[in-house]
Amino acid sequence: MKEKILLASLIAILAFLAISPVANAAVNISVYGYADKTYYKPGDSVTVTFFIYEGGTDTINLVNVTIVYPWYNKIWGGNQTINANNAPIAQGESWSSTATFTIPTDGRASSGYITIDYYYKIGSALYHDSKYPIYLYILSVPTYTSLQDIDKLTTLLTIQTVLLIVGFLIVTGAIFLSARRPKVAWKAQETE
């Protein structure tokens, strides 16, 4: 009897655990964003709008946001930091901002994801995370080449073509003549 009660209790506990809702995570931050155009050329101005959304149960205090561009390099720089002034973001709320910058014209700009680094506090603890919500497509810079002395290139190609044809004719003629060589028959001389 005790075994049946124990088994029924165990089944009831497992059933209760199976149907109970999963606890929400304390922090669930999502970052969304978009750029004002589909593609850019070097020298174009870009306006990026992004949102930081809190889907968890805790309220976070957003300290600052750093935008890292795809062409970032320690030598060139290229980051932009926006101070959020410890903006509180509660569950289901978001914080948004825009940033404007110019695509570099010195050849270092490349397509890629803009990284959004954000620092936030829960209580007195400081946290850091990164997301890649925005893709920038940058058209390549056309390179122009000078076609000086194109007449010399044309002459060189013409001479090479003529030499190729003459060489082909010589080799073909040699093969033809070697296959058509007359047969020589030697007759023995008659002796008297």
N, C-alpha and C. Protein backbone atom coordinates (compact mmCIF):
# COMPACT_ATOMS: atom_id res chain seq x y z
N MET A 1 0.81 -1.18 0.00
CA MET A 1 0.00 0.00 0.00
C MET A 1 0.87 1.26 0.00
N LYS A 2 1.93 1.23 0.82
CA LYS A 2 2.82 2.39 0.87
C LYS A 2 3.49 2.62 -0.48
N GLU A 3 3.78 1.52 -1.17
CA GLU A 3 4.43 1.64 -2.46
C GLU A 3 3.51 2.30 -3.49
N LYS A 4 2.23 1.97 -3.42
CA LYS A 4 1.26 2.57 -4.33
C LYS A 4 1.10 4.06 -4.06
N ILE A 5 1.08 4.44 -2.79
CA ILE A 5 0.97 5.86 -2.43
C ILE A 5 2.22 6.62 -2.87
N LEU A 6 3.37 6.01 -2.66
CA LEU A 6 4.64 6.63 -3.08
C LEU A 6 4.69 6.78 -4.60
N LEU A 7 4.27 5.76 -5.32
CA LEU A 7 4.26 5.81 -6.78
C LEU A 7 3.27 6.86 -7.29
N ALA A 8 2.08 6.93 -6.68
CA ALA A 8 1.08 7.93 -7.07
C ALA A 8 1.58 9.34 -6.78
N SER A 9 2.26 9.52 -5.65
CA SER A 9 2.83 10.83 -5.31
C SER A 9 3.90 11.24 -6.31
N LEU A 10 4.75 10.31 -6.68
CA LEU A 10 5.82 10.58 -7.64
C LEU A 10 5.25 10.95 -9.00
N ILE A 11 4.22 10.25 -9.43
CA ILE A 11 3.58 10.56 -10.71
C ILE A 11 2.92 11.94 -10.66
N ALA A 12 2.28 12.27 -9.54
CA ALA A 12 1.64 13.58 -9.39
C ALA A 12 2.68 14.70 -9.43
N ILE A 13 3.81 14.49 -8.77
CA ILE A 13 4.88 15.51 -8.78
C ILE A 13 5.43 15.69 -10.18
N LEU A 14 5.69 14.60 -10.89
CA LEU A 14 6.20 14.69 -12.27
C LEU A 14 5.19 15.37 -13.19
N ALA A 15 3.91 15.07 -13.03
CA ALA A 15 2.88 15.71 -13.85
C ALA A 15 2.81 17.20 -13.55
N PHE A 16 2.90 17.56 -12.29
CA PHE A 16 2.90 18.97 -11.89
C PHE A 16 4.10 19.70 -12.51
N LEU A 17 5.28 19.09 -12.47
CA LEU A 17 6.48 19.71 -13.06
C LEU A 17 6.36 19.81 -14.58
N ALA A 18 5.73 18.85 -15.21
CA ALA A 18 5.60 18.86 -16.66
C ALA A 18 4.70 19.98 -17.15
N ILE A 19 3.64 20.30 -16.39
CA ILE A 19 2.71 21.33 -16.84
C ILE A 19 3.00 22.71 -16.27
N SER A 20 3.94 22.82 -15.36
CA SER A 20 4.23 24.13 -14.78
C SER A 20 5.03 24.96 -15.78
N PRO A 21 4.78 26.28 -15.82
CA PRO A 21 5.49 27.16 -16.78
C PRO A 21 6.97 27.29 -16.39
N VAL A 22 7.77 27.52 -17.45
CA VAL A 22 9.20 27.71 -17.23
C VAL A 22 9.41 29.12 -16.70
N ALA A 23 10.30 29.26 -15.77
CA ALA A 23 10.58 30.58 -15.17
C ALA A 23 11.25 31.47 -16.20
N ASN A 24 10.90 32.74 -16.19
CA ASN A 24 11.52 33.71 -17.10
C ASN A 24 12.95 33.99 -16.67
N ALA A 25 13.78 34.27 -17.67
CA ALA A 25 15.16 34.65 -17.37
C ALA A 25 15.14 36.06 -16.77
N ALA A 26 16.10 36.33 -15.93
CA ALA A 26 16.14 37.63 -15.28
C ALA A 26 16.37 38.75 -16.27
N VAL A 27 17.29 38.55 -17.24
CA VAL A 27 17.59 39.57 -18.25
C VAL A 27 17.52 38.90 -19.61
N ASN A 28 16.83 39.53 -20.53
CA ASN A 28 16.73 39.02 -21.91
C ASN A 28 16.75 40.22 -22.83
N ILE A 29 17.95 40.69 -23.17
CA ILE A 29 18.11 41.91 -23.96
C ILE A 29 18.22 41.55 -25.44
N SER A 30 17.45 42.25 -26.26
CA SER A 30 17.52 42.12 -27.71
C SER A 30 17.88 43.47 -28.30
N VAL A 31 18.62 43.45 -29.40
CA VAL A 31 19.00 44.70 -30.07
C VAL A 31 18.52 44.61 -31.51
N TYR A 32 17.80 45.63 -31.95
CA TYR A 32 17.29 45.71 -33.31
C TYR A 32 17.76 47.02 -33.91
N GLY A 33 17.88 47.06 -35.22
CA GLY A 33 18.27 48.32 -35.85
C GLY A 33 18.13 48.27 -37.35
N TYR A 34 18.24 49.44 -37.96
CA TYR A 34 18.19 49.54 -39.41
C TYR A 34 18.94 50.78 -39.86
N ALA A 35 19.38 50.75 -41.11
CA ALA A 35 20.05 51.89 -41.73
C ALA A 35 19.06 52.59 -42.65
N ASP A 36 19.36 53.84 -43.01
CA ASP A 36 18.40 54.62 -43.78
C ASP A 36 18.36 54.27 -45.27
N LYS A 37 19.38 53.54 -45.80
CA LYS A 37 19.38 53.14 -47.20
C LYS A 37 19.80 51.68 -47.31
N THR A 38 19.64 51.12 -48.49
CA THR A 38 20.00 49.72 -48.72
C THR A 38 21.49 49.55 -48.91
N TYR A 39 22.12 50.46 -49.64
CA TYR A 39 23.56 50.39 -49.89
C TYR A 39 24.15 51.80 -49.92
N TYR A 40 25.47 51.85 -49.78
CA TYR A 40 26.17 53.13 -49.68
C TYR A 40 27.42 53.11 -50.54
N LYS A 41 27.86 54.31 -50.89
CA LYS A 41 29.14 54.49 -51.57
C LYS A 41 30.07 55.22 -50.61
N PRO A 42 31.38 55.08 -50.78
CA PRO A 42 32.30 55.86 -49.94
C PRO A 42 31.98 57.35 -50.04
N GLY A 43 31.93 58.01 -48.91
CA GLY A 43 31.60 59.43 -48.84
C GLY A 43 30.14 59.69 -48.49
N ASP A 44 29.29 58.66 -48.57
CA ASP A 44 27.87 58.83 -48.24
C ASP A 44 27.68 58.99 -46.73
N SER A 45 26.63 59.70 -46.36
CA SER A 45 26.26 59.85 -44.96
C SER A 45 25.24 58.76 -44.60
N VAL A 46 25.42 58.14 -43.44
CA VAL A 46 24.57 57.04 -43.01
C VAL A 46 23.90 57.43 -41.70
N THR A 47 22.61 57.16 -41.59
CA THR A 47 21.90 57.32 -40.33
C THR A 47 21.41 55.94 -39.90
N VAL A 48 21.86 55.53 -38.72
CA VAL A 48 21.50 54.23 -38.18
C VAL A 48 20.59 54.45 -36.98
N THR A 49 19.47 53.74 -36.94
CA THR A 49 18.56 53.78 -35.80
C THR A 49 18.56 52.40 -35.17
N PHE A 50 18.70 52.35 -33.84
CA PHE A 50 18.72 51.06 -33.17
C PHE A 50 17.91 51.13 -31.88
N PHE A 51 17.45 49.96 -31.45
CA PHE A 51 16.62 49.82 -30.25
C PHE A 51 17.23 48.75 -29.36
N ILE A 52 17.22 48.99 -28.07
CA ILE A 52 17.62 47.98 -27.09
C ILE A 52 16.37 47.65 -26.28
N TYR A 53 15.96 46.40 -26.37
CA TYR A 53 14.69 45.94 -25.79
C TYR A 53 14.97 44.96 -24.66
N GLU A 54 14.30 45.15 -23.53
CA GLU A 54 14.43 44.25 -22.37
C GLU A 54 13.20 43.34 -22.32
N GLY A 55 13.44 42.04 -22.52
CA GLY A 55 12.34 41.09 -22.48
C GLY A 55 12.32 40.27 -21.21
N GLY A 56 13.29 40.48 -20.33
CA GLY A 56 13.35 39.73 -19.07
C GLY A 56 12.53 40.38 -17.97
N THR A 57 12.69 39.85 -16.78
CA THR A 57 11.89 40.34 -15.65
C THR A 57 12.57 41.47 -14.89
N ASP A 58 13.87 41.61 -15.03
CA ASP A 58 14.58 42.66 -14.30
C ASP A 58 14.56 43.98 -15.05
N THR A 59 14.69 45.05 -14.31
CA THR A 59 14.88 46.36 -14.90
C THR A 59 16.38 46.61 -14.97
N ILE A 60 16.83 47.02 -16.15
CA ILE A 60 18.26 47.31 -16.32
C ILE A 60 18.44 48.81 -16.44
N ASN A 61 19.64 49.28 -16.11
CA ASN A 61 20.00 50.68 -16.31
C ASN A 61 21.08 50.70 -17.38
N LEU A 62 20.73 51.26 -18.55
CA LEU A 62 21.65 51.31 -19.68
C LEU A 62 22.66 52.42 -19.46
N VAL A 63 23.94 52.06 -19.41
CA VAL A 63 24.99 53.04 -19.13
C VAL A 63 25.41 53.75 -20.42
N ASN A 64 25.88 52.99 -21.40
CA ASN A 64 26.22 53.58 -22.69
C ASN A 64 26.20 52.52 -23.78
N VAL A 65 26.24 53.00 -25.02
CA VAL A 65 26.21 52.13 -26.19
C VAL A 65 27.34 52.57 -27.10
N THR A 66 28.12 51.59 -27.57
CA THR A 66 29.22 51.88 -28.51
C THR A 66 28.91 51.20 -29.83
N ILE A 67 28.98 51.99 -30.91
CA ILE A 67 28.77 51.46 -32.25
C ILE A 67 30.14 51.21 -32.85
N VAL A 68 30.39 49.97 -33.25
CA VAL A 68 31.67 49.59 -33.87
C VAL A 68 31.37 49.30 -35.34
N TYR A 69 32.02 50.05 -36.23
CA TYR A 69 31.77 49.90 -37.66
C TYR A 69 32.60 48.76 -38.24
N PRO A 70 32.18 48.19 -39.39
CA PRO A 70 32.88 47.03 -39.94
C PRO A 70 34.34 47.30 -40.29
N TRP A 71 34.70 48.52 -40.55
CA TRP A 71 36.07 48.84 -40.95
C TRP A 71 36.90 49.31 -39.76
N TYR A 72 36.40 49.07 -38.53
CA TYR A 72 37.12 49.51 -37.34
C TYR A 72 38.52 48.91 -37.29
N ASN A 73 39.47 49.74 -36.94
CA ASN A 73 40.85 49.32 -36.75
C ASN A 73 41.44 50.23 -35.68
N LYS A 74 42.35 49.71 -34.89
CA LYS A 74 42.93 50.52 -33.82
C LYS A 74 43.65 51.75 -34.36
N ILE A 75 44.18 51.63 -35.56
CA ILE A 75 44.89 52.77 -36.17
C ILE A 75 43.90 53.81 -36.65
N TRP A 76 42.83 53.37 -37.34
CA TRP A 76 41.88 54.30 -37.92
C TRP A 76 40.80 54.75 -36.95
N GLY A 77 40.51 53.92 -35.97
CA GLY A 77 39.39 54.25 -35.08
C GLY A 77 38.10 53.92 -35.79
N GLY A 78 37.07 54.63 -35.52
CA GLY A 78 35.81 54.41 -36.20
C GLY A 78 34.67 54.03 -35.27
N ASN A 79 34.89 54.04 -33.99
CA ASN A 79 33.81 53.75 -33.05
C ASN A 79 33.08 55.03 -32.70
N GLN A 80 31.86 54.87 -32.23
CA GLN A 80 31.07 56.00 -31.78
C GLN A 80 30.34 55.58 -30.51
N THR A 81 30.53 56.31 -29.43
CA THR A 81 29.90 55.97 -28.15
C THR A 81 28.79 56.96 -27.84
N ILE A 82 27.66 56.41 -27.45
CA ILE A 82 26.49 57.21 -27.08
C ILE A 82 26.23 56.98 -25.59
N ASN A 83 26.19 58.06 -24.84
CA ASN A 83 25.94 57.96 -23.40
C ASN A 83 24.44 57.83 -23.16
N ALA A 84 24.07 56.75 -22.48
CA ALA A 84 22.64 56.50 -22.21
C ALA A 84 22.22 57.05 -20.85
N ASN A 85 23.14 57.55 -20.05
CA ASN A 85 22.84 58.18 -18.76
C ASN A 85 22.05 57.27 -17.82
N ASN A 86 22.41 56.02 -17.76
CA ASN A 86 21.76 55.04 -16.87
C ASN A 86 20.24 55.00 -17.08
N ALA A 87 19.83 55.03 -18.34
CA ALA A 87 18.40 55.00 -18.65
C ALA A 87 17.78 53.69 -18.19
N PRO A 88 16.73 53.74 -17.37
CA PRO A 88 16.10 52.49 -16.91
C PRO A 88 15.25 51.88 -18.03
N ILE A 89 15.41 50.57 -18.21
CA ILE A 89 14.60 49.83 -19.19
C ILE A 89 13.94 48.67 -18.45
N ALA A 90 12.64 48.76 -18.27
CA ALA A 90 11.89 47.71 -17.57
C ALA A 90 11.45 46.64 -18.55
N GLN A 91 10.85 45.58 -18.02
CA GLN A 91 10.39 44.49 -18.86
C GLN A 91 9.40 44.99 -19.91
N GLY A 92 9.64 44.61 -21.18
CA GLY A 92 8.75 45.00 -22.26
C GLY A 92 8.99 46.40 -22.80
N GLU A 93 9.99 47.12 -22.28
CA GLU A 93 10.28 48.47 -22.76
C GLU A 93 11.57 48.47 -23.58
N SER A 94 11.78 49.56 -24.30
CA SER A 94 13.00 49.68 -25.11
C SER A 94 13.56 51.09 -25.03
N TRP A 95 14.80 51.20 -25.41
CA TRP A 95 15.51 52.49 -25.48
C TRP A 95 16.03 52.59 -26.91
N SER A 96 15.90 53.74 -27.52
CA SER A 96 16.34 53.89 -28.91
C SER A 96 17.20 55.12 -29.08
N SER A 97 18.01 55.08 -30.12
CA SER A 97 18.87 56.20 -30.45
C SER A 97 19.23 56.13 -31.93
N THR A 98 19.76 57.21 -32.44
CA THR A 98 20.25 57.24 -33.82
C THR A 98 21.69 57.72 -33.82
N ALA A 99 22.42 57.30 -34.83
CA ALA A 99 23.80 57.73 -35.02
C ALA A 99 24.01 58.04 -36.49
N THR A 100 24.73 59.10 -36.75
CA THR A 100 25.03 59.50 -38.12
C THR A 100 26.54 59.50 -38.30
N PHE A 101 26.98 58.98 -39.42
CA PHE A 101 28.41 58.93 -39.71
C PHE A 101 28.60 58.94 -41.22
N THR A 102 29.83 59.10 -41.67
CA THR A 102 30.16 59.13 -43.08
C THR A 102 31.03 57.94 -43.43
N ILE A 103 30.73 57.30 -44.55
CA ILE A 103 31.54 56.17 -45.02
C ILE A 103 32.91 56.70 -45.44
N PRO A 104 34.00 56.11 -44.93
CA PRO A 104 35.34 56.60 -45.30
C PRO A 104 35.60 56.47 -46.81
N THR A 105 36.36 57.41 -47.32
CA THR A 105 36.69 57.42 -48.75
C THR A 105 38.13 57.00 -49.02
N ASP A 106 38.85 56.59 -47.99
CA ASP A 106 40.26 56.26 -48.17
C ASP A 106 40.52 54.80 -48.50
N GLY A 107 39.47 54.05 -48.87
CA GLY A 107 39.64 52.67 -49.30
C GLY A 107 39.49 51.64 -48.19
N ARG A 108 39.33 52.04 -46.96
CA ARG A 108 39.23 51.07 -45.86
C ARG A 108 37.80 50.63 -45.58
N ALA A 109 36.81 51.29 -46.16
CA ALA A 109 35.41 50.93 -45.90
C ALA A 109 35.10 49.60 -46.57
N SER A 110 34.43 48.74 -45.82
CA SER A 110 34.04 47.45 -46.36
C SER A 110 32.65 47.10 -45.83
N SER A 111 31.97 46.26 -46.58
CA SER A 111 30.65 45.81 -46.14
C SER A 111 30.80 44.93 -44.91
N GLY A 112 29.79 44.92 -44.09
CA GLY A 112 29.82 44.08 -42.90
C GLY A 112 28.79 44.53 -41.88
N TYR A 113 28.81 43.84 -40.75
CA TYR A 113 27.85 44.13 -39.68
C TYR A 113 28.36 45.24 -38.76
N ILE A 114 27.44 46.12 -38.39
CA ILE A 114 27.73 47.09 -37.35
C ILE A 114 27.52 46.36 -36.02
N THR A 115 28.49 46.46 -35.13
CA THR A 115 28.39 45.83 -33.83
C THR A 115 27.88 46.86 -32.83
N ILE A 116 26.88 46.49 -32.07
CA ILE A 116 26.35 47.35 -31.01
C ILE A 116 26.83 46.76 -29.68
N ASP A 117 27.78 47.43 -29.04
CA ASP A 117 28.24 47.04 -27.70
C ASP A 117 27.46 47.88 -26.70
N TYR A 118 26.90 47.24 -25.69
CA TYR A 118 26.15 48.00 -24.70
C TYR A 118 26.57 47.56 -23.30
N TYR A 119 26.59 48.55 -22.42
CA TYR A 119 26.94 48.35 -21.01
C TYR A 119 25.70 48.69 -20.18
N TYR A 120 25.35 47.79 -19.28
CA TYR A 120 24.18 48.03 -18.45
C TYR A 120 24.47 47.58 -17.02
N LYS A 121 23.66 48.12 -16.11
CA LYS A 121 23.78 47.77 -14.70
C LYS A 121 22.49 47.13 -14.21
N ILE A 122 22.68 46.16 -13.34
CA ILE A 122 21.58 45.62 -12.55
C ILE A 122 22.04 45.78 -11.11
N GLY A 123 21.40 46.69 -10.43
CA GLY A 123 21.88 47.06 -9.09
C GLY A 123 23.18 47.83 -9.25
N SER A 124 24.25 47.35 -8.62
CA SER A 124 25.54 48.01 -8.78
C SER A 124 26.48 47.22 -9.68
N ALA A 125 26.06 46.07 -10.17
CA ALA A 125 26.91 45.23 -11.03
C ALA A 125 26.83 45.73 -12.48
N LEU A 126 27.99 45.88 -13.12
CA LEU A 126 28.09 46.35 -14.51
C LEU A 126 28.27 45.15 -15.43
N TYR A 127 27.49 45.10 -16.52
CA TYR A 127 27.54 44.01 -17.49
C TYR A 127 27.80 44.58 -18.87
N HIS A 128 28.33 43.73 -19.76
CA HIS A 128 28.64 44.14 -21.13
C HIS A 128 28.21 43.03 -22.08
N ASP A 129 27.67 43.40 -23.22
CA ASP A 129 27.30 42.43 -24.24
C ASP A 129 27.38 43.09 -25.61
N SER A 130 27.38 42.27 -26.67
CA SER A 130 27.46 42.76 -28.05
C SER A 130 26.43 42.06 -28.91
N LYS A 131 25.90 42.78 -29.88
CA LYS A 131 24.98 42.21 -30.87
C LYS A 131 25.37 42.78 -32.23
N TYR A 132 24.94 42.09 -33.31
CA TYR A 132 25.24 42.51 -34.68
C TYR A 132 23.95 42.67 -35.47
N PRO A 133 23.17 43.71 -35.20
CA PRO A 133 21.84 43.78 -35.80
C PRO A 133 21.75 44.44 -37.17
N ILE A 134 22.78 45.18 -37.58
CA ILE A 134 22.64 45.99 -38.79
C ILE A 134 23.76 45.64 -39.77
N TYR A 135 23.39 45.33 -41.02
CA TYR A 135 24.38 45.03 -42.05
C TYR A 135 24.48 46.24 -42.97
N LEU A 136 25.70 46.68 -43.22
CA LEU A 136 25.94 47.78 -44.15
C LEU A 136 26.53 47.20 -45.43
N TYR A 137 25.87 47.46 -46.56
CA TYR A 137 26.40 47.03 -47.85
C TYR A 137 27.02 48.24 -48.51
N ILE A 138 28.33 48.17 -48.74
CA ILE A 138 29.06 49.30 -49.31
C ILE A 138 29.53 48.90 -50.70
N LEU A 139 29.15 49.70 -51.68
CA LEU A 139 29.58 49.45 -53.05
C LEU A 139 31.08 49.69 -53.15
N SER A 140 31.74 48.87 -53.95
CA SER A 140 33.18 49.04 -54.10
C SER A 140 33.48 50.28 -54.92
N VAL A 141 34.62 50.85 -54.67
CA VAL A 141 35.04 52.05 -55.38
C VAL A 141 35.60 51.62 -56.73
N PRO A 142 35.10 52.19 -57.83
CA PRO A 142 35.64 51.79 -59.13
C PRO A 142 37.08 52.25 -59.29
N THR A 143 37.87 51.43 -59.93
CA THR A 143 39.26 51.82 -60.22
C THR A 143 39.37 52.08 -61.71
N TYR A 144 39.94 53.20 -62.03
CA TYR A 144 40.08 53.60 -63.42
C TYR A 144 41.52 53.36 -63.84
N THR A 145 41.67 52.76 -65.02
CA THR A 145 43.00 52.52 -65.55
C THR A 145 43.18 53.32 -66.83
N SER A 146 44.39 53.74 -67.06
CA SER A 146 44.70 54.53 -68.24
C SER A 146 45.09 53.59 -69.37
N LEU A 147 44.53 53.81 -70.53
CA LEU A 147 44.87 52.99 -71.69
C LEU A 147 45.78 53.77 -72.64
N GLN A 148 46.86 54.30 -72.08
CA GLN A 148 47.83 54.99 -72.91
C GLN A 148 48.52 53.99 -73.80
N ASP A 149 48.93 54.43 -74.95
CA ASP A 149 49.69 53.62 -75.89
C ASP A 149 48.95 52.34 -76.27
N ILE A 150 47.64 52.42 -76.45
CA ILE A 150 46.86 51.25 -76.86
C ILE A 150 47.28 50.80 -78.25
N ASP A 151 47.79 51.74 -79.08
CA ASP A 151 48.23 51.35 -80.42
C ASP A 151 49.43 50.41 -80.36
N LYS A 152 50.30 50.57 -79.38
CA LYS A 152 51.44 49.66 -79.23
C LYS A 152 50.97 48.27 -78.82
N LEU A 153 49.96 48.20 -77.98
CA LEU A 153 49.41 46.91 -77.57
C LEU A 153 48.76 46.21 -78.76
N THR A 154 48.05 46.97 -79.59
CA THR A 154 47.42 46.40 -80.78
C THR A 154 48.48 45.88 -81.75
N THR A 155 49.55 46.62 -81.94
CA THR A 155 50.63 46.19 -82.82
C THR A 155 51.27 44.91 -82.30
N LEU A 156 51.52 44.84 -81.01
CA LEU A 156 52.13 43.65 -80.41
C LEU A 156 51.24 42.43 -80.61
N LEU A 157 49.94 42.57 -80.37
CA LEU A 157 49.02 41.45 -80.56
C LEU A 157 48.95 41.02 -82.03
N THR A 158 49.00 41.98 -82.96
CA THR A 158 48.96 41.66 -84.39
C THR A 158 50.21 40.88 -84.79
N ILE A 159 51.37 41.32 -84.33
CA ILE A 159 52.62 40.62 -84.65
C ILE A 159 52.61 39.21 -84.07
N GLN A 160 52.14 39.04 -82.87
CA GLN A 160 52.08 37.72 -82.26
C GLN A 160 51.13 36.80 -83.02
N THR A 161 50.02 37.33 -83.51
CA THR A 161 49.07 36.53 -84.28
C THR A 161 49.68 36.09 -85.61
N VAL A 162 50.35 37.01 -86.29
CA VAL A 162 50.98 36.67 -87.57
C VAL A 162 52.07 35.62 -87.36
N LEU A 163 52.90 35.76 -86.34
CA LEU A 163 53.95 34.78 -86.07
C LEU A 163 53.35 33.41 -85.72
N LEU A 164 52.27 33.39 -85.02
CA LEU A 164 51.60 32.13 -84.69
C LEU A 164 51.09 31.43 -85.95
N ILE A 165 50.49 32.18 -86.85
CA ILE A 165 49.97 31.60 -88.10
C ILE A 165 51.12 31.10 -88.97
N VAL A 166 52.20 31.87 -89.11
CA VAL A 166 53.35 31.46 -89.92
C VAL A 166 53.98 30.21 -89.32
N GLY A 167 54.15 30.17 -88.02
CA GLY A 167 54.73 28.98 -87.38
C GLY A 167 53.85 27.76 -87.60
N PHE A 168 52.52 27.93 -87.52
CA PHE A 168 51.60 26.82 -87.75
C PHE A 168 51.74 26.30 -89.18
N LEU A 169 51.84 27.22 -90.16
CA LEU A 169 51.98 26.80 -91.56
C LEU A 169 53.29 26.06 -91.80
N ILE A 170 54.37 26.50 -91.19
CA ILE A 170 55.66 25.84 -91.36
C ILE A 170 55.62 24.43 -90.79
N VAL A 171 55.08 24.26 -89.60
CA VAL A 171 55.01 22.93 -88.98
C VAL A 171 54.08 22.03 -89.79
N THR A 172 52.95 22.54 -90.24
CA THR A 172 52.02 21.75 -91.05
C THR A 172 52.66 21.32 -92.36
N GLY A 173 53.37 22.25 -93.04
CA GLY A 173 54.06 21.91 -94.30
C GLY A 173 55.13 20.86 -94.10
N ALA A 174 55.88 20.95 -93.01
CA ALA A 174 56.93 19.96 -92.75
C ALA A 174 56.32 18.58 -92.53
N ILE A 175 55.23 18.50 -91.82
CA ILE A 175 54.57 17.22 -91.58
C ILE A 175 54.02 16.65 -92.90
N PHE A 176 53.42 17.51 -93.71
CA PHE A 176 52.87 17.07 -94.98
C PHE A 176 53.97 16.55 -95.90
N LEU A 177 55.05 17.29 -96.01
CA LEU A 177 56.12 16.88 -96.90
C LEU A 177 56.82 15.61 -96.42
N SER A 178 56.95 15.42 -95.13
CA SER A 178 57.59 14.21 -94.63
C SER A 178 56.73 12.98 -94.88
N ALA A 179 55.43 13.15 -94.93
CA ALA A 179 54.55 12.02 -95.21
C ALA A 179 54.50 11.70 -96.70
N ARG A 180 54.83 12.63 -97.57
CA ARG A 180 54.74 12.46 -99.02
C ARG A 180 56.10 12.25 -99.68
N ARG A 181 57.10 11.90 -98.93
CA ARG A 181 58.44 11.74 -99.47
C ARG A 181 58.44 10.61 -100.51
N PRO A 182 59.06 10.82 -101.67
CA PRO A 182 59.07 9.76 -102.70
C PRO A 182 59.94 8.59 -102.27
N LYS A 183 59.54 7.42 -102.67
CA LYS A 183 60.31 6.23 -102.35
C LYS A 183 61.42 6.07 -103.38
N VAL A 184 62.58 5.83 -102.89
CA VAL A 184 63.73 5.64 -103.78
C VAL A 184 64.07 4.16 -103.80
N ALA A 185 64.16 3.61 -105.00
CA ALA A 185 64.52 2.19 -105.12
C ALA A 185 65.91 2.11 -105.75
N TRP A 186 66.75 1.44 -105.14
CA TRP A 186 68.11 1.26 -105.68
C TRP A 186 68.16 -0.05 -106.43
N LYS A 187 68.67 0.06 -107.60
CA LYS A 187 68.82 -1.13 -108.40
C LYS A 187 70.27 -1.56 -108.34
N ALA A 188 70.43 -2.80 -108.28
CA ALA A 188 71.81 -3.29 -108.29
C ALA A 188 72.36 -3.17 -109.72
N GLN A 189 73.59 -2.82 -109.83
CA GLN A 189 74.20 -2.67 -111.15
C GLN A 189 74.54 -4.06 -111.72
N GLU A 190 74.32 -4.09 -112.98
CA GLU A 190 74.62 -5.35 -113.63
C GLU A 190 76.13 -5.46 -113.87
N THR A 191 76.64 -6.56 -113.58
CA THR A 191 78.08 -6.77 -113.80
C THR A 191 78.29 -7.68 -115.00
N GLU A 192 79.28 -7.42 -115.73
CA GLU A 192 79.50 -8.22 -116.92
C GLU A 192 80.50 -9.24 -116.72
